[in-house]
């Protein structure tokens, strides 16, 4: 059920909250990030990034910190603010995108109900997995998982054909924990 709401959430974010056109785009290369006290011939990395590194220490709990992490953090904060705005307004018309976002968020935040029913759902899922006795049952359960919960062993998706960008084709690839994660 959660999987069904994710595309709706993204769509609603862009429909309900049009992008501002008066925003100032950041510079591609910001000379304020350069540390001019370091000679480029001695340490080019610190010459180009020195002030940015001094002004942006790695936050506690992060293994790295860069412009993409900053962007991800800002994006998360903006989405959080949009969702909280929707949740705090009770005037969404029934069946509207705002009402669907509100209902989805409130259902996810209902920890009492999740604690009450969460284990039942997982136990039923584990029982289904434990009941696999042969390859036919494995295929059936993997298909059911794929349709209802998650990518089970393989990920199916569509994307542009790398040989002909006029076509969108189906892709399949390995998905999941078949290798050790990176240390971060």
Protein backbone atom coordinates (compact mmCIF):
# COMPACT_ATOMS: atom_id res chain seq x y z
CA UNK A 1 0.00 0.00 0.00
CA UNK A 2 2.84 2.39 0.83
CA UNK A 3 4.38 1.74 -2.59
CA UNK A 4 1.21 3.10 -4.24
CA UNK A 5 1.50 6.48 -2.49
CA UNK A 6 5.12 7.32 -3.36
CA UNK A 7 4.44 8.43 -6.97
CA UNK A 8 1.39 10.32 -5.74
CA UNK A 9 3.50 12.13 -3.15
CA UNK A 10 6.02 13.24 -5.73
CA UNK A 11 3.32 14.30 -8.18
CA UNK A 12 1.46 16.22 -5.51
CA UNK A 13 4.59 18.03 -4.37
CA UNK A 14 5.03 19.52 -7.83
CA UNK A 15 1.33 20.14 -8.57
CA UNK A 16 0.33 21.66 -5.25
CA UNK A 17 3.47 23.69 -4.80
CA UNK A 18 4.62 25.21 -8.09
CA UNK A 19 8.30 25.98 -8.33
CA UNK A 20 9.33 29.57 -7.69
CA UNK A 21 10.75 31.33 -10.71
CA UNK A 22 12.37 34.22 -8.86
CA UNK A 23 14.95 32.15 -6.99
CA UNK A 24 18.60 32.99 -7.46
CA UNK A 25 20.66 30.07 -8.70
CA UNK A 26 23.94 29.41 -6.91
CA UNK A 27 27.18 29.99 -8.75
CA UNK A 28 28.76 26.96 -10.40
CA UNK A 29 32.14 28.07 -9.05
CA UNK A 30 32.07 30.27 -5.99
CA UNK A 31 35.35 32.07 -5.44
CA UNK A 32 34.43 32.55 -1.77
CA UNK A 33 35.12 28.82 -1.31
CA UNK A 34 38.74 29.27 -2.41
CA UNK A 35 41.47 29.59 0.19
CA UNK A 36 43.75 32.13 -1.46
CA UNK A 37 46.32 31.77 1.31
CA UNK A 38 47.21 28.35 -0.15
CA UNK A 39 49.21 28.36 -3.36
CA UNK A 40 47.58 26.28 -6.11
CA UNK A 41 50.98 24.79 -6.96
CA UNK A 42 51.43 23.58 -3.34
CA UNK A 43 47.96 22.14 -2.66
CA UNK A 44 45.41 22.69 -5.37
CA UNK A 45 42.61 20.84 -3.50
CA UNK A 46 42.87 23.10 -0.44
CA UNK A 47 43.37 26.16 -2.63
CA UNK A 48 40.03 25.50 -4.37
CA UNK A 49 38.08 24.05 -1.41
CA UNK A 50 39.79 25.41 1.70
CA UNK A 51 37.22 28.01 2.77
CA UNK A 52 34.31 25.69 1.98
CA UNK A 53 35.90 22.97 4.13
CA UNK A 54 36.49 25.45 6.98
CA UNK A 55 32.90 26.78 6.81
CA UNK A 56 31.22 23.38 6.36
CA UNK A 57 32.56 20.84 8.85
CA UNK A 58 31.15 17.32 8.61
CA UNK A 59 28.06 17.25 10.87
CA UNK A 60 27.89 14.74 13.69
CA UNK A 61 26.48 11.43 12.48
CA UNK A 62 27.58 11.89 8.85
CA UNK A 63 30.51 10.11 7.23
CA UNK A 64 30.91 12.83 4.60
CA UNK A 65 29.56 16.26 3.78
CA UNK A 66 29.50 18.00 0.43
CA UNK A 67 27.28 20.03 -1.84
CA UNK A 68 25.10 17.01 -2.70
CA UNK A 69 24.55 16.21 0.99
CA UNK A 70 23.67 19.86 1.59
CA UNK A 71 21.22 19.72 -1.31
CA UNK A 72 19.68 16.46 -0.03
CA UNK A 73 19.33 17.94 3.46
CA UNK A 74 17.72 21.16 2.16
CA UNK A 75 15.37 19.14 -0.07
CA UNK A 76 14.32 16.95 2.88
CA UNK A 77 13.64 20.01 5.00
CA UNK A 78 11.52 21.61 2.25
CA UNK A 79 9.49 18.41 1.72
CA UNK A 80 9.01 18.10 5.48
CA UNK A 81 7.73 21.70 5.65
CA UNK A 82 5.33 21.08 2.75
CA UNK A 83 3.94 17.92 4.32
CA UNK A 84 3.56 19.59 7.72
CA UNK A 85 1.71 22.47 6.05
CA UNK A 86 -0.70 20.00 4.44
CA UNK A 87 -1.16 17.99 7.64
CA UNK A 88 -1.94 21.07 9.72
CA UNK A 89 -4.72 22.25 7.39
CA UNK A 90 -7.94 20.29 7.72
CA UNK A 91 -9.69 21.90 4.76
CA UNK A 92 -8.53 19.47 2.05
CA UNK A 93 -11.45 18.32 -0.06
CA UNK A 94 -12.20 14.56 0.06
CA UNK A 95 -10.28 12.63 -2.59
CA UNK A 96 -7.91 15.52 -3.31
CA UNK A 97 -4.16 15.12 -3.56
CA UNK A 98 -3.71 17.12 -0.35
CA UNK A 99 -6.12 14.85 1.49
CA UNK A 100 -4.25 11.74 0.24
CA UNK A 101 -0.92 13.15 1.46
CA UNK A 102 -2.46 14.06 4.81
CA UNK A 103 -4.02 10.62 5.28
CA UNK A 104 -0.83 8.83 4.24
CA UNK A 105 1.34 10.89 6.60
CA UNK A 106 -1.03 10.56 9.55
CA UNK A 107 -1.29 6.79 9.01
CA UNK A 108 2.50 6.50 8.97
CA UNK A 109 2.82 8.59 12.14
CA UNK A 110 0.18 6.60 14.05
CA UNK A 111 2.74 4.73 16.14
CA UNK A 112 0.11 3.19 18.44
CA UNK A 113 -1.69 1.55 15.52
CA UNK A 114 1.61 0.56 13.88
CA UNK A 115 2.80 -1.07 17.10
CA UNK A 116 -0.53 -2.85 17.45
CA UNK A 117 -0.69 -4.25 13.91
CA UNK A 118 2.89 -4.00 12.65
CA UNK A 119 4.07 -7.30 14.05
CA UNK A 120 1.02 -9.14 12.68
CA UNK A 121 1.80 -7.92 9.18
CA UNK A 122 5.45 -8.92 9.45
CA UNK A 123 4.68 -12.32 10.94
CA UNK A 124 2.28 -13.08 8.08
CA UNK A 125 4.95 -11.99 5.60
CA UNK A 126 7.61 -14.14 7.28
CA UNK A 127 5.23 -17.11 7.33
CA UNK A 128 4.69 -16.73 3.59
CA UNK A 129 8.47 -16.70 3.03
CA UNK A 130 9.03 -19.63 5.40
CA UNK A 131 6.44 -21.71 3.53
CA UNK A 132 8.57 -21.82 0.37
CA UNK A 133 9.41 -25.46 -0.38
CA UNK A 134 10.40 -25.45 -4.07
CA UNK A 135 11.40 -23.15 -6.92
CA UNK A 136 7.81 -22.73 -8.15
CA UNK A 137 6.75 -21.45 -4.73
CA UNK A 138 9.85 -19.24 -4.60
CA UNK A 139 8.88 -17.64 -7.92
CA UNK A 140 5.31 -17.14 -6.74
CA UNK A 141 6.34 -15.50 -3.46
CA UNK A 142 8.95 -13.32 -5.19
CA UNK A 143 6.31 -12.16 -7.68
CA UNK A 144 3.89 -11.43 -4.84
CA UNK A 145 6.57 -9.48 -2.96
CA UNK A 146 7.45 -7.57 -6.13
CA UNK A 147 3.82 -6.55 -6.66
CA UNK A 148 3.00 -5.76 -3.05
CA UNK A 149 5.99 -4.77 -1.00
CA UNK A 150 9.43 -4.50 -2.46
CA UNK A 151 11.94 -5.46 -5.07
CA UNK A 152 12.62 -9.09 -4.22
CA UNK A 153 16.05 -10.08 -5.53
CA UNK A 154 15.51 -8.29 -8.84
CA UNK A 155 14.46 -4.81 -9.77
CA UNK A 156 12.25 -4.25 -12.79
CA UNK A 157 11.99 -0.76 -14.21
CA UNK A 158 11.74 1.25 -17.40
CA UNK A 159 14.33 3.64 -18.70
CA UNK A 160 15.62 5.20 -21.90
CA UNK A 161 17.19 2.74 -24.31
CA UNK A 162 20.95 3.48 -24.22
CA UNK A 163 21.19 2.64 -27.94
CA UNK A 164 18.12 4.59 -29.07
CA UNK A 165 16.94 7.49 -26.89
CA UNK A 166 13.61 7.58 -28.75
CA UNK A 167 12.53 4.40 -26.96
CA UNK A 168 11.85 3.50 -23.37
CA UNK A 169 12.57 -0.15 -22.63
CA UNK A 170 12.30 -2.58 -19.73
CA UNK A 171 15.32 -3.26 -17.53
CA UNK A 172 16.00 -5.88 -14.90
CA UNK A 173 18.92 -6.03 -12.51
CA UNK A 174 20.01 -7.64 -9.30
CA UNK A 175 18.69 -5.85 -6.24
CA UNK A 176 19.25 -6.34 -2.59
CA UNK A 177 21.85 -7.55 -0.17
CA UNK A 178 23.92 -9.95 -2.23
CA UNK A 179 27.15 -8.16 -1.40
CA UNK A 180 28.70 -6.54 1.62
CA UNK A 181 27.66 -2.92 2.09
CA UNK A 182 30.26 -0.20 1.97
CA UNK A 183 31.64 0.78 5.34
CA UNK A 184 29.61 4.00 5.53
